[in-house]
Amino acid sequence: MSQPFLYIALDYPTQDEVLSQAKDFTRAVKEDYGFKVNLDTIANFSPSAGSPYDFMWEMLRLEKPLFFDFKMWNGERTMRSIIERCGEAGIDIVNIYAHAGEKFIKNVKESLENTPTLLFALTVLSHYNDSDTRRLYKRSFGDSVKMLSRIAEKGGADGIILPGTELHRVKRSPLLKLATGIRPTWYKNKKKNNQEQIVTPEEATAAGADFYVMGSPILDYETEHEKIEALERVLSDIKTAASRQE
């Protein structure tokens, strides 16, 4: 089994904070990993923020894979317009909600032809629980993930985003799998945890994750030295977990 790839969730409120942290990690840790950036950072309306285009190129200059976490569910023209520009720039992963539907997924995916950018469909958020999905989809949590994964596959998405707890439900899916809610056993939350669905890197790897997204276990520290140590420990955990599956 190949080693899952880590995207660090740089969930900071400003572009300057994201860029500063990304640069610190890039200088200090030379192993392979990438960065996930949220929509509110990319389209930041603060007077001090740069344009989305300028911010994107600042991040690309670090030469690390980028996941732009748009979580889009909008009109087809709007989604295609945004994602086409990401494909032209070579962003590695962009995403939309799977419940946008097969037709929208298919048409948005077509806008990425001849680009390296992968389109992932988000199934169910890892801070949801069974009562949430029964209210929204009239299905259990696990069945909701499976339903939305099938929509993503039929729409031609490259991959799905799902809580690591549900990887076993989509083991036969040919799509790439990006797991959320990853928490190492050694990590003790210092802040309120908003994740309902949590697994360890070892569990997610054994269940077939191709990618991880992880933020708090790396960023939830006071000093830059501690954050760098946490990143190195996470990367070591991932490598160990993958070797145990070989």
Protein backbone atom coordinates (compact mmCIF):
# COMPACT_ATOMS: atom_id res chain seq x y z
CA MET A 1 0.00 0.00 0.00
CA SER A 2 1.28 3.47 -0.84
CA GLN A 3 1.67 6.05 1.89
CA PRO A 4 -1.27 8.45 2.30
CA PHE A 5 -0.45 12.07 1.50
CA LEU A 6 -0.95 14.77 4.13
CA TYR A 7 -2.56 18.16 3.55
CA ILE A 8 -2.09 20.49 6.51
CA ALA A 9 -5.28 22.45 7.17
CA LEU A 10 -4.11 26.04 7.51
CA ASP A 11 -7.35 27.25 9.05
CA TYR A 12 -6.25 30.75 9.95
CA PRO A 13 -8.45 33.84 9.50
CA THR A 14 -6.00 35.92 7.44
CA GLN A 15 -3.88 35.44 4.34
CA ASP A 16 -0.80 36.72 6.16
CA GLU A 17 -1.13 34.08 8.87
CA VAL A 18 -1.59 31.30 6.31
CA LEU A 19 1.38 32.44 4.23
CA SER A 20 3.61 32.89 7.28
CA GLN A 21 2.82 29.43 8.65
CA ALA A 22 3.20 27.78 5.25
CA LYS A 23 6.59 29.41 4.77
CA ASP A 24 7.75 28.33 8.23
CA PHE A 25 6.83 24.71 7.57
CA THR A 26 8.35 24.75 4.08
CA ARG A 27 11.68 26.05 5.40
CA ALA A 28 11.83 23.64 8.35
CA VAL A 29 10.36 20.34 7.10
CA LYS A 30 11.49 19.06 3.71
CA GLU A 31 9.36 15.92 3.47
CA ASP A 32 6.37 15.64 1.14
CA TYR A 33 3.12 17.25 2.30
CA GLY A 34 0.77 19.95 1.08
CA PHE A 35 -1.47 22.72 2.35
CA LYS A 36 -5.26 23.03 2.54
CA VAL A 37 -6.65 26.55 2.43
CA ASN A 38 -10.23 27.60 3.17
CA LEU A 39 -12.51 29.73 1.03
CA ASP A 40 -12.58 32.60 3.55
CA THR A 41 -8.80 32.93 3.27
CA ILE A 42 -8.74 32.86 -0.53
CA ALA A 43 -11.67 35.30 -0.91
CA ASN A 44 -10.76 37.49 2.06
CA PHE A 45 -12.54 40.84 2.11
CA SER A 46 -10.34 42.47 4.73
CA PRO A 47 -8.83 45.81 3.57
CA SER A 48 -5.37 44.34 4.17
CA ALA A 49 -5.97 41.18 2.12
CA GLY A 50 -4.56 40.59 -1.33
CA SER A 51 -6.60 39.48 -4.31
CA PRO A 52 -7.43 35.76 -4.59
CA TYR A 53 -5.14 35.63 -7.65
CA ASP A 54 -2.17 37.17 -5.84
CA PHE A 55 -2.69 34.98 -2.77
CA MET A 56 -2.89 31.85 -4.94
CA TRP A 57 0.43 32.63 -6.60
CA GLU A 58 2.10 33.42 -3.29
CA MET A 59 1.12 29.92 -2.13
CA LEU A 60 2.16 28.30 -5.42
CA ARG A 61 5.64 29.82 -5.12
CA LEU A 62 6.23 27.57 -2.10
CA GLU A 63 6.11 24.60 -4.50
CA LYS A 64 3.90 22.51 -2.24
CA PRO A 65 0.71 20.75 -3.36
CA LEU A 66 -2.38 22.87 -2.68
CA PHE A 67 -5.93 21.85 -1.82
CA PHE A 68 -8.36 24.78 -2.17
CA ASP A 69 -11.24 23.87 0.11
CA PHE A 70 -14.10 25.71 -1.60
CA LYS A 71 -16.90 23.35 -0.52
CA MET A 72 -18.88 24.72 -3.43
CA TRP A 73 -22.57 24.20 -4.06
CA ASN A 74 -23.46 27.01 -6.37
CA GLY A 75 -24.66 27.63 -9.89
CA GLU A 76 -22.82 25.67 -12.57
CA ARG A 77 -21.40 28.77 -14.27
CA THR A 78 -20.05 30.09 -10.98
CA MET A 79 -18.41 26.80 -10.05
CA ARG A 80 -16.90 26.30 -13.50
CA SER A 81 -15.54 29.84 -13.60
CA ILE A 82 -13.72 29.48 -10.28
CA ILE A 83 -12.47 25.96 -10.88
CA GLU A 84 -11.25 26.65 -14.43
CA ARG A 85 -8.86 29.28 -13.09
CA CYS A 86 -7.58 26.82 -10.48
CA GLY A 87 -6.97 24.24 -13.19
CA GLU A 88 -5.03 26.75 -15.29
CA ALA A 89 -2.83 27.57 -12.29
CA GLY A 90 -2.25 23.92 -11.41
CA ILE A 91 -3.94 23.73 -7.99
CA ASP A 92 -3.82 20.05 -7.00
CA ILE A 93 -7.29 19.54 -5.50
CA VAL A 94 -10.54 21.54 -5.54
CA ASN A 95 -13.88 20.39 -4.20
CA ILE A 96 -17.64 20.73 -4.42
CA TYR A 97 -20.47 19.16 -2.46
CA ALA A 98 -21.57 15.79 -3.82
CA HIS A 99 -25.19 16.74 -3.29
CA ALA A 100 -24.77 19.34 -6.04
CA GLY A 101 -25.65 16.31 -8.18
CA GLU A 102 -24.24 14.15 -10.97
CA LYS A 103 -24.89 16.68 -13.73
CA PHE A 104 -23.12 19.53 -11.95
CA ILE A 105 -20.18 17.32 -10.99
CA LYS A 106 -19.83 16.14 -14.58
CA ASN A 107 -19.96 19.64 -16.05
CA VAL A 108 -17.55 21.10 -13.50
CA LYS A 109 -15.16 18.19 -14.05
CA GLU A 110 -15.20 18.93 -17.79
CA SER A 111 -13.84 22.40 -17.06
CA LEU A 112 -10.65 20.74 -15.74
CA GLU A 113 -9.84 18.80 -18.91
CA ASN A 114 -6.14 18.96 -19.83
CA THR A 115 -5.21 20.25 -16.37
CA PRO A 116 -3.56 18.40 -13.45
CA THR A 117 -6.26 19.54 -11.00
CA LEU A 118 -8.37 16.87 -9.33
CA LEU A 119 -12.04 17.40 -8.49
CA PHE A 120 -13.16 15.89 -5.19
CA ALA A 121 -16.76 15.63 -4.04
CA LEU A 122 -17.46 16.22 -0.37
CA THR A 123 -19.83 13.64 1.12
CA VAL A 124 -20.61 14.31 4.80
CA LEU A 125 -18.76 16.67 7.11
CA SER A 126 -16.88 15.05 9.99
CA HIS A 127 -18.56 17.31 12.54
CA TYR A 128 -21.95 15.81 11.63
CA ASN A 129 -23.49 12.83 13.38
CA ASP A 130 -26.25 10.35 12.66
CA SER A 131 -29.05 12.68 13.74
CA ASP A 132 -27.77 15.34 11.32
CA THR A 133 -27.83 13.02 8.30
CA ARG A 134 -31.22 11.57 9.20
CA ARG A 135 -32.60 15.10 9.25
CA LEU A 136 -30.86 16.17 6.03
CA TYR A 137 -30.84 13.00 3.93
CA LYS A 138 -33.34 10.69 5.70
CA ARG A 139 -30.54 8.14 6.01
CA SER A 140 -28.05 6.96 8.61
CA PHE A 141 -24.63 8.58 8.65
CA GLY A 142 -22.99 5.62 6.89
CA ASP A 143 -25.73 5.27 4.28
CA SER A 144 -25.52 8.99 3.54
CA VAL A 145 -21.79 8.69 2.86
CA LYS A 146 -22.41 5.75 0.52
CA MET A 147 -25.22 7.55 -1.33
CA LEU A 148 -23.16 10.68 -1.88
CA SER A 149 -20.12 8.62 -2.90
CA ARG A 150 -22.18 6.95 -5.62
CA ILE A 151 -23.30 10.37 -6.88
CA ALA A 152 -19.66 11.48 -7.00
CA GLU A 153 -18.63 8.36 -8.93
CA LYS A 154 -21.48 8.66 -11.44
CA GLY A 155 -20.67 12.33 -11.94
CA GLY A 156 -17.06 11.53 -12.81
CA ALA A 157 -15.31 13.07 -9.80
CA ASP A 158 -11.71 12.06 -9.21
CA GLY A 159 -12.19 11.50 -5.52
CA ILE A 160 -14.38 11.81 -2.47
CA ILE A 161 -13.92 13.52 0.88
CA LEU A 162 -15.32 11.66 3.85
CA PRO A 163 -14.80 11.13 7.57
CA GLY A 164 -12.13 8.53 8.25
CA THR A 165 -14.68 6.55 10.25
CA GLU A 166 -16.55 5.74 7.03
CA LEU A 167 -13.69 4.61 4.79
CA HIS A 168 -14.69 0.97 5.18
CA ARG A 169 -18.07 1.72 3.58
CA VAL A 170 -16.52 2.85 0.29
CA LYS A 171 -13.67 0.36 0.08
CA ARG A 172 -14.80 -0.86 -3.36
CA SER A 173 -15.14 2.61 -4.82
CA PRO A 174 -12.56 3.36 -7.52
CA LEU A 175 -12.38 7.00 -6.44
CA LEU A 176 -9.49 8.48 -4.49
CA LYS A 177 -10.33 8.90 -0.82
CA LEU A 178 -9.46 11.95 1.26
CA ALA A 179 -10.10 11.35 4.96
CA THR A 180 -10.99 13.97 7.55
CA GLY A 181 -11.26 13.80 11.34
CA ILE A 182 -7.76 12.35 11.78
CA ARG A 183 -6.41 12.55 15.33
CA PRO A 184 -3.20 10.82 16.52
CA THR A 185 -3.51 9.03 19.85
CA TRP A 186 -0.85 11.29 21.36
CA TYR A 187 -2.73 14.49 20.57
CA LYS A 188 -4.67 15.97 23.45
CA ASN A 189 -7.06 18.73 22.43
CA LYS A 190 -6.26 22.07 23.98
CA LYS A 191 -9.28 23.67 22.38
CA LYS A 192 -12.86 22.55 21.98
CA ASN A 193 -13.04 19.69 19.51
CA ASN A 194 -15.69 20.16 16.81
CA GLN A 195 -15.21 16.75 15.22
CA GLU A 196 -17.85 14.09 15.80
CA GLN A 197 -16.09 11.50 13.63
CA ILE A 198 -12.51 10.74 14.66
CA VAL A 199 -9.97 8.05 13.69
CA THR A 200 -6.22 7.66 14.10
CA PRO A 201 -3.78 7.78 11.16
CA GLU A 202 -3.26 4.04 11.62
CA GLU A 203 -7.00 3.33 11.36
CA ALA A 204 -7.47 5.58 8.33
CA THR A 205 -4.50 4.05 6.54
CA ALA A 206 -5.69 0.49 7.17
CA ALA A 207 -9.15 1.45 5.85
CA GLY A 208 -7.76 2.75 2.55
CA ALA A 209 -7.19 6.51 2.81
CA ASP A 210 -5.20 8.04 -0.06
CA PHE A 211 -5.02 11.49 1.53
CA TYR A 212 -5.39 12.98 5.01
CA VAL A 213 -6.38 16.46 6.05
CA MET A 214 -5.14 17.40 9.50
CA GLY A 215 -4.97 20.75 11.25
CA SER A 216 -5.32 20.93 15.04
CA PRO A 217 -2.84 18.15 15.94
CA ILE A 218 -0.18 20.16 14.09
CA LEU A 219 -1.21 23.78 14.71
CA ASP A 220 -2.66 23.68 18.23
CA TYR A 221 0.57 24.73 19.94
CA GLU A 222 2.02 27.97 21.26
CA THR A 223 5.45 28.00 19.63
CA GLU A 224 6.67 27.45 16.08
CA HIS A 225 9.12 24.83 17.35
CA GLU A 226 6.24 22.78 18.82
CA LYS A 227 4.27 23.02 15.58
CA ILE A 228 7.24 21.81 13.55
CA GLU A 229 7.80 18.93 15.97
CA ALA A 230 4.11 18.00 15.69
CA LEU A 231 4.26 17.99 11.89
CA GLU A 232 7.34 15.79 11.92
CA ARG A 233 5.64 13.41 14.35
CA VAL A 234 2.50 13.23 12.19
CA LEU A 235 4.56 12.48 9.07
CA SER A 236 6.41 9.76 10.98
CA ASP A 237 3.09 8.26 12.16
CA ILE A 238 1.80 8.17 8.58
CA LYS A 239 4.94 6.47 7.34
CA THR A 240 4.80 3.88 10.12
CA ALA A 241 1.10 3.23 9.51
CA ALA A 242 1.70 2.65 5.80
CA SER A 243 4.63 0.29 6.43
CA ARG A 244 2.42 -1.86 8.66
CA GLN A 245 0.02 -2.39 5.75
CA GLU A 246 2.69 -3.68 3.36
